[in-house]
Amino acid sequence: MTVHLSMDEMAVSQGCTPDQIDRTALLLEAPFRMRRRGVELKLHLCDAPPEVDRTLEQNIVKAQRWMAMMLEGKTFAAIAEAKGTSKRRVQDVIDLAML
């Protein structure tokens, strides 16, 4: 991300003349990453530590449990009924078991 500051505006805000301002200080650059989750968009500036996605973490654990149930011979429908969710939800989440 690059931010260009106006020399004239900075001079007015600082109460000085434009020739007293260092031109190199008017250009700010910062690396960033965009992370989208649903409709939400987050900008991670600089080298901020990555956040742990708790929802993803919980779904991976759930998927591993459901995969173990499948290996025991249970069907998607049986797992869904036992866990109080839909068959489609089990099918969507179980792919995360390999992460």
PDB file of N, CA and C in Angstrom:
ATOM      1  N   MET A   1       0.860  -1.142   0.000  1.00  0.00           N
ATOM      2  CA  MET A   1       0.000   0.000   0.000  1.00  0.00           C
ATOM      3  C   MET A   1       0.917   1.219   0.000  1.00  0.00           C
ATOM      4  N   THR A   2       0.603   2.169  -0.836  1.00  0.00           N
ATOM      5  CA  THR A   2       1.387   3.397  -0.908  1.00  0.00           C
ATOM      6  C   THR A   2       0.476   4.587  -0.640  1.00  0.00           C
ATOM      7  N   VAL A   3       0.915   5.477   0.252  1.00  0.00           N
ATOM      8  CA  VAL A   3       0.164   6.684   0.593  1.00  0.00           C
ATOM      9  C   VAL A   3       1.035   7.882   0.234  1.00  0.00           C
ATOM     10  N   HIS A   4       0.493   8.770  -0.594  1.00  0.00           N
ATOM     11  CA  HIS A   4       1.184  10.005  -0.963  1.00  0.00           C
ATOM     12  C   HIS A   4       0.530  11.164  -0.201  1.00  0.00           C
ATOM     13  N   LEU A   5       1.314  11.882   0.591  1.00  0.00           N
ATOM     14  CA  LEU A   5       0.794  13.015   1.343  1.00  0.00           C
ATOM     15  C   LEU A   5       1.062  14.301   0.560  1.00  0.00           C
ATOM     16  N   SER A   6       0.138  15.227   0.630  1.00  0.00           N
ATOM     17  CA  SER A   6       0.259  16.508  -0.062  1.00  0.00           C
ATOM     18  C   SER A   6       1.226  17.430   0.685  1.00  0.00           C
ATOM     19  N   MET A   7       2.227  17.923  -0.033  1.00  0.00           N
ATOM     20  CA  MET A   7       3.207  18.815   0.585  1.00  0.00           C
ATOM     21  C   MET A   7       2.544  20.092   1.073  1.00  0.00           C
ATOM     22  N   ASP A   8       1.669  20.662   0.265  1.00  0.00           N
ATOM     23  CA  ASP A   8       1.007  21.911   0.640  1.00  0.00           C
ATOM     24  C   ASP A   8       0.125  21.718   1.878  1.00  0.00           C
ATOM     25  N   GLU A   9      -0.639  20.631   1.916  1.00  0.00           N
ATOM     26  CA  GLU A   9      -1.507  20.364   3.071  1.00  0.00           C
ATOM     27  C   GLU A   9      -0.692  20.097   4.333  1.00  0.00           C
ATOM     28  N   MET A  10       0.404  19.383   4.191  1.00  0.00           N
ATOM     29  CA  MET A  10       1.263  19.126   5.346  1.00  0.00           C
ATOM     30  C   MET A  10       1.882  20.423   5.870  1.00  0.00           C
ATOM     31  N   ALA A  11       2.276  21.315   4.953  1.00  0.00           N
ATOM     32  CA  ALA A  11       2.857  22.600   5.356  1.00  0.00           C
ATOM     33  C   ALA A  11       1.840  23.417   6.142  1.00  0.00           C
ATOM     34  N   VAL A  12       0.593  23.431   5.667  1.00  0.00           N
ATOM     35  CA  VAL A  12      -0.466  24.174   6.362  1.00  0.00           C
ATOM     36  C   VAL A  12      -0.707  23.566   7.744  1.00  0.00           C
ATOM     37  N   SER A  13      -0.794  22.234   7.815  1.00  0.00           N
ATOM     38  CA  SER A  13      -1.083  21.593   9.098  1.00  0.00           C
ATOM     39  C   SER A  13       0.069  21.747  10.102  1.00  0.00           C
ATOM     40  N   GLN A  14       1.292  21.875   9.597  1.00  0.00           N
ATOM     41  CA  GLN A  14       2.450  22.011  10.482  1.00  0.00           C
ATOM     42  C   GLN A  14       2.847  23.468  10.722  1.00  0.00           C
ATOM     43  N   GLY A  15       2.203  24.383  10.014  1.00  0.00           N
ATOM     44  CA  GLY A  15       2.501  25.803  10.188  1.00  0.00           C
ATOM     45  C   GLY A  15       3.874  26.202   9.667  1.00  0.00           C
ATOM     46  N   CYS A  16       4.258  25.652   8.524  1.00  0.00           N
ATOM     47  CA  CYS A  16       5.559  25.983   7.940  1.00  0.00           C
ATOM     48  C   CYS A  16       5.391  26.176   6.432  1.00  0.00           C
ATOM     49  N   THR A  17       6.461  26.433   5.731  1.00  0.00           N
ATOM     50  CA  THR A  17       6.410  26.596   4.277  1.00  0.00           C
ATOM     51  C   THR A  17       6.728  25.251   3.630  1.00  0.00           C
ATOM     52  N   PRO A  18       6.216  25.003   2.412  1.00  0.00           N
ATOM     53  CA  PRO A  18       6.441  23.728   1.734  1.00  0.00           C
ATOM     54  C   PRO A  18       7.921  23.376   1.553  1.00  0.00           C
ATOM     55  N   ASP A  19       8.802  24.384   1.389  1.00  0.00           N
ATOM     56  CA  ASP A  19      10.218  24.080   1.183  1.00  0.00           C
ATOM     57  C   ASP A  19      10.903  23.565   2.447  1.00  0.00           C
ATOM     58  N   GLN A  20      10.258  23.644   3.592  1.00  0.00           N
ATOM     59  CA  GLN A  20      10.817  23.137   4.845  1.00  0.00           C
ATOM     60  C   GLN A  20      10.484  21.659   5.080  1.00  0.00           C
ATOM     61  N   ILE A  21       9.690  21.090   4.201  1.00  0.00           N
ATOM     62  CA  ILE A  21       9.242  19.701   4.378  1.00  0.00           C
ATOM     63  C   ILE A  21      10.123  18.768   3.544  1.00  0.00           C
ATOM     64  N   ASP A  22      10.529  17.672   4.150  1.00  0.00           N
ATOM     65  CA  ASP A  22      11.321  16.639   3.471  1.00  0.00           C
ATOM     66  C   ASP A  22      10.397  15.846   2.545  1.00  0.00           C
ATOM     67  N   ARG A  23      10.657  15.924   1.248  1.00  0.00           N
ATOM     68  CA  ARG A  23       9.790  15.242   0.260  1.00  0.00           C
ATOM     69  C   ARG A  23       9.742  13.730   0.471  1.00  0.00           C
ATOM     70  N   THR A  24      10.831  13.140   0.934  1.00  0.00           N
ATOM     71  CA  THR A  24      10.847  11.679   1.117  1.00  0.00           C
ATOM     72  C   THR A  24       9.921  11.234   2.241  1.00  0.00           C
ATOM     73  N   ALA A  25       9.631  12.121   3.170  1.00  0.00           N
ATOM     74  CA  ALA A  25       8.742  11.772   4.280  1.00  0.00           C
ATOM     75  C   ALA A  25       7.270  11.801   3.868  1.00  0.00           C
ATOM     76  N   LEU A  26       6.977  12.259   2.658  1.00  0.00           N
ATOM     77  CA  LEU A  26       5.589  12.357   2.189  1.00  0.00           C
ATOM     78  C   LEU A  26       5.101  11.081   1.509  1.00  0.00           C
ATOM     79  N   LEU A  27       5.985  10.113   1.354  1.00  0.00           N
ATOM     80  CA  LEU A  27       5.621   8.855   0.715  1.00  0.00           C
ATOM     81  C   LEU A  27       5.723   7.735   1.750  1.00  0.00           C
ATOM     82  N   LEU A  28       4.589   7.133   2.053  1.00  0.00           N
ATOM     83  CA  LEU A  28       4.543   6.039   3.022  1.00  0.00           C
ATOM     84  C   LEU A  28       4.213   4.746   2.298  1.00  0.00           C
ATOM     85  N   GLU A  29       4.988   3.705   2.528  1.00  0.00           N
ATOM     86  CA  GLU A  29       4.737   2.404   1.909  1.00  0.00           C
ATOM     87  C   GLU A  29       4.668   1.333   2.986  1.00  0.00           C
ATOM     88  N   ALA A  30       3.690   0.459   2.865  1.00  0.00           N
ATOM     89  CA  ALA A  30       3.534  -0.630   3.827  1.00  0.00           C
ATOM     90  C   ALA A  30       3.005  -1.868   3.115  1.00  0.00           C
ATOM     91  N   PRO A  31       3.635  -3.019   3.343  1.00  0.00           N
ATOM     92  CA  PRO A  31       3.104  -4.255   2.755  1.00  0.00           C
ATOM     93  C   PRO A  31       1.799  -4.640   3.452  1.00  0.00           C
ATOM     94  N   PHE A  32       0.936  -5.327   2.726  1.00  0.00           N
ATOM     95  CA  PHE A  32      -0.312  -5.780   3.340  1.00  0.00           C
ATOM     96  C   PHE A  32      -0.807  -7.029   2.636  1.00  0.00           C
ATOM     97  N   ARG A  33      -1.699  -7.723   3.307  1.00  0.00           N
ATOM     98  CA  ARG A  33      -2.384  -8.878   2.725  1.00  0.00           C
ATOM     99  C   ARG A  33      -3.875  -8.668   2.912  1.00  0.00           C
ATOM    100  N   MET A  34      -4.639  -9.081   1.921  1.00  0.00           N
ATOM    101  CA  MET A  34      -6.099  -9.033   2.049  1.00  0.00           C
ATOM    102  C   MET A  34      -6.575 -10.444   2.366  1.00  0.00           C
ATOM    103  N   ARG A  35      -7.473 -10.539   3.319  1.00  0.00           N
ATOM    104  CA  ARG A  35      -8.036 -11.830   3.684  1.00  0.00           C
ATOM    105  C   ARG A  35      -9.546 -11.707   3.680  1.00  0.00           C
ATOM    106  N   ARG A  36     -10.178 -12.522   2.870  1.00  0.00           N
ATOM    107  CA  ARG A  36     -11.628 -12.490   2.752  1.00  0.00           C
ATOM    108  C   ARG A  36     -12.217 -13.699   3.479  1.00  0.00           C
ATOM    109  N   ARG A  37     -13.271 -13.435   4.238  1.00  0.00           N
ATOM    110  CA  ARG A  37     -14.003 -14.494   4.913  1.00  0.00           C
ATOM    111  C   ARG A  37     -15.475 -14.152   4.781  1.00  0.00           C
ATOM    112  N   GLY A  38     -16.139 -14.842   3.879  1.00  0.00           N
ATOM    113  CA  GLY A  38     -17.536 -14.513   3.587  1.00  0.00           C
ATOM    114  C   GLY A  38     -17.599 -13.151   2.946  1.00  0.00           C
ATOM    115  N   VAL A  39     -18.395 -12.258   3.476  1.00  0.00           N
ATOM    116  CA  VAL A  39     -18.514 -10.902   2.930  1.00  0.00           C
ATOM    117  C   VAL A  39     -17.529  -9.943   3.582  1.00  0.00           C
ATOM    118  N   GLU A  40     -16.842 -10.403   4.612  1.00  0.00           N
ATOM    119  CA  GLU A  40     -15.912  -9.556   5.352  1.00  0.00           C
ATOM    120  C   GLU A  40     -14.542  -9.557   4.680  1.00  0.00           C
ATOM    121  N   LEU A  41     -13.908  -8.397   4.622  1.00  0.00           N
ATOM    122  CA  LEU A  41     -12.561  -8.276   4.067  1.00  0.00           C
ATOM    123  C   LEU A  41     -11.678  -7.612   5.113  1.00  0.00           C
ATOM    124  N   LYS A  42     -10.561  -8.250   5.435  1.00  0.00           N
ATOM    125  CA  LYS A  42      -9.625  -7.691   6.414  1.00  0.00           C
ATOM    126  C   LYS A  42      -8.318  -7.371   5.711  1.00  0.00           C
ATOM    127  N   LEU A  43      -7.732  -6.239   6.075  1.00  0.00           N
ATOM    128  CA  LEU A  43      -6.405  -5.885   5.603  1.00  0.00           C
ATOM    129  C   LEU A  43      -5.434  -6.152   6.744  1.00  0.00           C
ATOM    130  N   HIS A  44      -4.438  -6.972   6.486  1.00  0.00           N
ATOM    131  CA  HIS A  44      -3.394  -7.243   7.466  1.00  0.00           C
ATOM    132  C   HIS A  44      -2.184  -6.430   7.049  1.00  0.00           C
ATOM    133  N   LEU A  45      -1.853  -5.409   7.842  1.00  0.00           N
ATOM    134  CA  LEU A  45      -0.752  -4.523   7.518  1.00  0.00           C
ATOM    135  C   LEU A  45       0.554  -5.029   8.112  1.00  0.00           C
ATOM    136  N   CYS A  46       1.625  -4.774   7.390  1.00  0.00           N
ATOM    137  CA  CYS A  46       2.988  -5.119   7.815  1.00  0.00           C
ATOM    138  C   CYS A  46       3.102  -6.600   8.128  1.00  0.00           C
ATOM    139  N   ASP A  47       3.854  -6.895   9.127  1.00  0.00           N
ATOM    140  CA  ASP A  47       4.101  -8.280   9.495  1.00  0.00           C
ATOM    141  C   ASP A  47       3.322  -8.663  10.750  1.00  0.00           C
ATOM    142  N   ALA A  48       2.050  -8.352  10.747  1.00  0.00           N
ATOM    143  CA  ALA A  48       1.213  -8.691  11.897  1.00  0.00           C
ATOM    144  C   ALA A  48       1.157 -10.210  12.035  1.00  0.00           C
ATOM    145  N   PRO A  49       1.164 -10.714  13.249  1.00  0.00           N
ATOM    146  CA  PRO A  49       1.098 -12.165  13.421  1.00  0.00           C
ATOM    147  C   PRO A  49      -0.222 -12.704  12.868  1.00  0.00           C
ATOM    148  N   PRO A  50      -0.181 -13.838  12.203  1.00  0.00           N
ATOM    149  CA  PRO A  50      -1.411 -14.384  11.631  1.00  0.00           C
ATOM    150  C   PRO A  50      -2.385 -14.807  12.728  1.00  0.00           C
ATOM    151  N   GLU A  51      -3.646 -14.592  12.471  1.00  0.00           N
ATOM    152  CA  GLU A  51      -4.678 -15.002  13.419  1.00  0.00           C
ATOM    153  C   GLU A  51      -5.027 -16.463  13.178  1.00  0.00           C
ATOM    154  N   VAL A  52      -5.345 -17.154  14.245  1.00  0.00           N
ATOM    155  CA  VAL A  52      -5.800 -18.531  14.120  1.00  0.00           C
ATOM    156  C   VAL A  52      -7.292 -18.495  13.816  1.00  0.00           C
ATOM    157  N   ASP A  53      -7.684 -19.174  12.757  1.00  0.00           N
ATOM    158  CA  ASP A  53      -9.096 -19.232  12.369  1.00  0.00           C
ATOM    159  C   ASP A  53      -9.749 -20.333  13.202  1.00  0.00           C
ATOM    160  N   ARG A  54     -10.392 -19.934  14.285  1.00  0.00           N
ATOM    161  CA  ARG A  54     -10.986 -20.896  15.226  1.00  0.00           C
ATOM    162  C   ARG A  54     -12.098 -21.721  14.584  1.00  0.00           C
ATOM    163  N   THR A  55     -12.868 -21.122  13.692  1.00  0.00           N
ATOM    164  CA  THR A  55     -13.950 -21.861  13.031  1.00  0.00           C
ATOM    165  C   THR A  55     -13.373 -22.970  12.167  1.00  0.00           C
ATOM    166  N   LEU A  56     -12.336 -22.644  11.405  1.00  0.00           N
ATOM    167  CA  LEU A  56     -11.691 -23.663  10.576  1.00  0.00           C
ATOM    168  C   LEU A  56     -11.099 -24.761  11.452  1.00  0.00           C
ATOM    169  N   GLU A  57     -10.467 -24.369  12.527  1.00  0.00           N
ATOM    170  CA  GLU A  57      -9.865 -25.329  13.447  1.00  0.00           C
ATOM    171  C   GLU A  57     -10.921 -26.297  13.994  1.00  0.00           C
ATOM    172  N   GLN A  58     -12.068 -25.766  14.417  1.00  0.00           N
ATOM    173  CA  GLN A  58     -13.148 -26.600  14.946  1.00  0.00           C
ATOM    174  C   GLN A  58     -13.712 -27.532  13.880  1.00  0.00           C
ATOM    175  N   ASN A  59     -13.840 -27.023  12.647  1.00  0.00           N
ATOM    176  CA  ASN A  59     -14.368 -27.848  11.565  1.00  0.00           C
ATOM    177  C   ASN A  59     -13.404 -28.965  11.181  1.00  0.00           C
ATOM    178  N   ILE A  60     -12.103 -28.717  11.268  1.00  0.00           N
ATOM    179  CA  ILE A  60     -11.130 -29.774  10.972  1.00  0.00           C
ATOM    180  C   ILE A  60     -11.237 -30.894  11.998  1.00  0.00           C
ATOM    181  N   VAL A  61     -11.347 -30.531  13.267  1.00  0.00           N
ATOM    182  CA  VAL A  61     -11.484 -31.537  14.332  1.00  0.00           C
ATOM    183  C   VAL A  61     -12.771 -32.335  14.128  1.00  0.00           C
ATOM    184  N   LYS A  62     -13.851 -31.622  13.828  1.00  0.00           N
ATOM    185  CA  LYS A  62     -15.142 -32.279  13.585  1.00  0.00           C
ATOM    186  C   LYS A  62     -15.039 -33.237  12.390  1.00  0.00           C
ATOM    187  N   ALA A  63     -14.376 -32.787  11.334  1.00  0.00           N
ATOM    188  CA  ALA A  63     -14.231 -33.610  10.132  1.00  0.00           C
ATOM    189  C   ALA A  63     -13.426 -34.873  10.423  1.00  0.00           C
ATOM    190  N   GLN A  64     -12.388 -34.747  11.245  1.00  0.00           N
ATOM    191  CA  GLN A  64     -11.582 -35.924  11.583  1.00  0.00           C
ATOM    192  C   GLN A  64     -12.386 -36.935  12.398  1.00  0.00           C
ATOM    193  N   ARG A  65     -13.234 -36.428  13.276  1.00  0.00           N
ATOM    194  CA  ARG A  65     -14.104 -37.334  14.051  1.00  0.00           C
ATOM    195  C   ARG A  65     -15.098 -38.035  13.128  1.00  0.00           C
ATOM    196  N   TRP A  66     -15.677 -37.264  12.209  1.00  0.00           N
ATOM    197  CA  TRP A  66     -16.647 -37.847  11.290  1.00  0.00           C
ATOM    198  C   TRP A  66     -15.977 -38.839  10.334  1.00  0.00           C
ATOM    199  N   MET A  67     -14.742 -38.563   9.938  1.00  0.00           N
ATOM    200  CA  MET A  67     -14.021 -39.497   9.069  1.00  0.00           C
ATOM    201  C   MET A  67     -13.773 -40.814   9.805  1.00  0.00           C
ATOM    202  N   ALA A  68     -13.456 -40.728  11.091  1.00  0.00           N
ATOM    203  CA  ALA A  68     -13.271 -41.944  11.893  1.00  0.00           C
ATOM    204  C   ALA A  68     -14.574 -42.740  11.940  1.00  0.00           C
ATOM    205  N   MET A  69     -15.688 -42.057  12.046  1.00  0.00           N
ATOM    206  CA  MET A  69     -16.987 -42.734  12.046  1.00  0.00           C
ATOM    207  C   MET A  69     -17.243 -43.412  10.704  1.00  0.00           C
ATOM    208  N   MET A  70     -16.842 -42.740   9.627  1.00  0.00           N
ATOM    209  CA  MET A  70     -17.024 -43.341   8.298  1.00  0.00           C
ATOM    210  C   MET A  70     -16.168 -44.593   8.151  1.00  0.00           C
ATOM    211  N   LEU A  71     -14.937 -44.540   8.677  1.00  0.00           N
ATOM    212  CA  LEU A  71     -14.056 -45.701   8.594  1.00  0.00           C
ATOM    213  C   LEU A  71     -14.583 -46.876   9.411  1.00  0.00           C
ATOM    214  N   GLU A  72     -15.440 -46.575  10.386  1.00  0.00           N
ATOM    215  CA  GLU A  72     -16.094 -47.629  11.172  1.00  0.00           C
ATOM    216  C   GLU A  72     -17.302 -48.200  10.432  1.00  0.00           C
ATOM    217  N   GLY A  73     -17.656 -47.594   9.288  1.00  0.00           N
ATOM    218  CA  GLY A  73     -18.749 -48.114   8.473  1.00  0.00           C
ATOM    219  C   GLY A  73     -20.032 -47.310   8.495  1.00  0.00           C
ATOM    220  N   LYS A  74     -20.043 -46.158   9.159  1.00  0.00           N
ATOM    221  CA  LYS A  74     -21.257 -45.342   9.200  1.00  0.00           C
ATOM    222  C   LYS A  74     -21.398 -44.540   7.913  1.00  0.00           C
ATOM    223  N   THR A  75     -22.640 -44.271   7.532  1.00  0.00           N
ATOM    224  CA  THR A  75     -22.920 -43.492   6.322  1.00  0.00           C
ATOM    225  C   THR A  75     -23.025 -42.005   6.664  1.00  0.00           C
ATOM    226  N   PHE A  76     -23.033 -41.163   5.620  1.00  0.00           N
ATOM    227  CA  PHE A  76     -23.215 -39.725   5.835  1.00  0.00           C
ATOM    228  C   PHE A  76     -24.523 -39.463   6.582  1.00  0.00           C
ATOM    229  N   ALA A  77     -25.567 -40.156   6.167  1.00  0.00           N
ATOM    230  CA  ALA A  77     -26.886 -39.970   6.787  1.00  0.00           C
ATOM    231  C   ALA A  77     -26.863 -40.369   8.261  1.00  0.00           C
ATOM    232  N   ALA A  78     -26.187 -41.474   8.595  1.00  0.00           N
ATOM    233  CA  ALA A  78     -26.114 -41.936   9.984  1.00  0.00           C
ATOM    234  C   ALA A  78     -25.320 -40.948  10.842  1.00  0.00           C
ATOM    235  N   ILE A  79     -24.236 -40.423  10.304  1.00  0.00           N
ATOM    236  CA  ILE A  79     -23.434 -39.441  11.039  1.00  0.00           C
ATOM    237  C   ILE A  79     -24.247 -38.171  11.263  1.00  0.00           C
ATOM    238  N   ALA A  80     -24.935 -37.724  10.218  1.00  0.00           N
ATOM    239  CA  ALA A  80     -25.753 -36.509  10.326  1.00  0.00           C
ATOM    240  C   ALA A  80     -26.837 -36.671  11.381  1.00  0.00           C
ATOM    241  N   GLU A  81     -27.490 -37.801  11.388  1.00  0.00           N
ATOM    242  CA  GLU A  81     -28.550 -38.046  12.371  1.00  0.00           C
ATOM    243  C   GLU A  81     -27.973 -38.093  13.786  1.00  0.00           C
ATOM    244  N   ALA A  82     -26.834 -38.750  13.959  1.00  0.00           N
ATOM    245  CA  ALA A  82     -26.212 -38.861  15.277  1.00  0.00           C
ATOM    246  C   ALA A  82     -25.733 -37.507  15.807  1.00  0.00           C
ATOM    247  N   LYS A  83     -25.296 -36.629  14.908  1.00  0.00           N
ATOM    248  CA  LYS A  83     -24.747 -35.328  15.314  1.00  0.00           C
ATOM    249  C   LYS A  83     -25.741 -34.181  15.208  1.00  0.00           C
ATOM    250  N   GLY A  84     -26.960 -34.477  14.767  1.00  0.00           N
ATOM    251  CA  GLY A  84     -28.001 -33.447  14.702  1.00  0.00           C
ATOM    252  C   GLY A  84     -27.746 -32.398  13.636  1.00  0.00           C
ATOM    253  N   THR A  85     -27.240 -32.823  12.499  1.00  0.00           N
ATOM    254  CA  THR A  85     -26.977 -31.905  11.387  1.00  0.00           C
ATOM    255  C   THR A  85     -27.479 -32.541  10.097  1.00  0.00           C
ATOM    256  N   SER A  86     -27.261 -31.874   8.990  1.00  0.00           N
ATOM    257  CA  SER A  86     -27.744 -32.404   7.714  1.00  0.00           C
ATOM    258  C   SER A  86     -26.673 -33.267   7.038  1.00  0.00           C
ATOM    259  N   LYS A  87     -27.127 -34.143   6.197  1.00  0.00           N
ATOM    260  CA  LYS A  87     -26.221 -34.999   5.427  1.00  0.00           C
ATOM    261  C   LYS A  87     -25.303 -34.135   4.567  1.00  0.00           C
ATOM    262  N   ARG A  88     -25.848 -33.083   3.993  1.00  0.00           N
ATOM    263  CA  ARG A  88     -25.068 -32.173   3.143  1.00  0.00           C
ATOM    264  C   ARG A  88     -23.946 -31.505   3.945  1.00  0.00           C
ATOM    265  N   ARG A  89     -24.214 -31.121   5.175  1.00  0.00           N
ATOM    266  CA  ARG A  89     -23.200 -30.495   6.035  1.00  0.00           C
ATOM    267  C   ARG A  89     -22.050 -31.468   6.293  1.00  0.00           C
ATOM    268  N   VAL A  90     -22.386 -32.714   6.577  1.00  0.00           N
ATOM    269  CA  VAL A  90     -21.361 -33.739   6.804  1.00  0.00           C
ATOM    270  C   VAL A  90     -20.510 -33.903   5.546  1.00  0.00           C
ATOM    271  N   GLN A  91     -21.138 -33.942   4.385  1.00  0.00           N
ATOM    272  CA  GLN A  91     -20.404 -34.111   3.126  1.00  0.00           C
ATOM    273  C   GLN A  91     -19.486 -32.921   2.864  1.00  0.00           C
ATOM    274  N   ASP A  92     -19.936 -31.711   3.200  1.00  0.00           N
ATOM    275  CA  ASP A  92     -19.115 -30.511   2.978  1.00  0.00           C
ATOM    276  C   ASP A  92     -17.918 -30.453   3.922  1.00  0.00           C
ATOM    277  N   VAL A  93     -18.137 -30.788   5.186  1.00  0.00           N
ATOM    278  CA  VAL A  93     -17.097 -30.647   6.199  1.00  0.00           C
ATOM    279  C   VAL A  93     -16.074 -31.773   6.142  1.00  0.00           C
ATOM    280  N   ILE A  94     -16.490 -32.954   5.772  1.00  0.00           N
ATOM    281  CA  ILE A  94     -15.602 -34.127   5.869  1.00  0.00           C
ATOM    282  C   ILE A  94     -14.355 -33.994   4.988  1.00  0.00           C
ATOM    283  N   ASP A  95     -14.402 -33.160   3.961  1.00  0.00           N
ATOM    284  CA  ASP A  95     -13.215 -32.932   3.129  1.00  0.00           C
ATOM    285  C   ASP A  95     -12.069 -32.329   3.926  1.00  0.00           C
ATOM    286  N   LEU A  96     -12.385 -31.642   5.009  1.00  0.00           N
ATOM    287  CA  LEU A  96     -11.370 -30.997   5.832  1.00  0.00           C
ATOM    288  C   LEU A  96     -10.576 -32.001   6.670  1.00  0.00           C
ATOM    289  N   ALA A  97     -11.014 -33.261   6.706  1.00  0.00           N
ATOM    290  CA  ALA A  97     -10.351 -34.274   7.527  1.00  0.00           C
ATOM    291  C   ALA A  97      -8.918 -34.527   7.076  1.00  0.00           C
ATOM    292  N   MET A  98      -8.599 -34.214   5.842  1.00  0.00           N
ATOM    293  CA  MET A  98      -7.259 -34.474   5.313  1.00  0.00           C
ATOM    294  C   MET A  98      -6.277 -33.341   5.567  1.00  0.00           C
ATOM    295  N   LEU A  99      -6.737 -32.253   6.186  1.00  0.00           N
ATOM    296  CA  LEU A  99      -5.830 -31.129   6.457  1.00  0.00           C
ATOM    297  C   LEU A  99      -4.981 -31.393   7.679  1.00  0.00           C
TER     298      LEU A  99
END
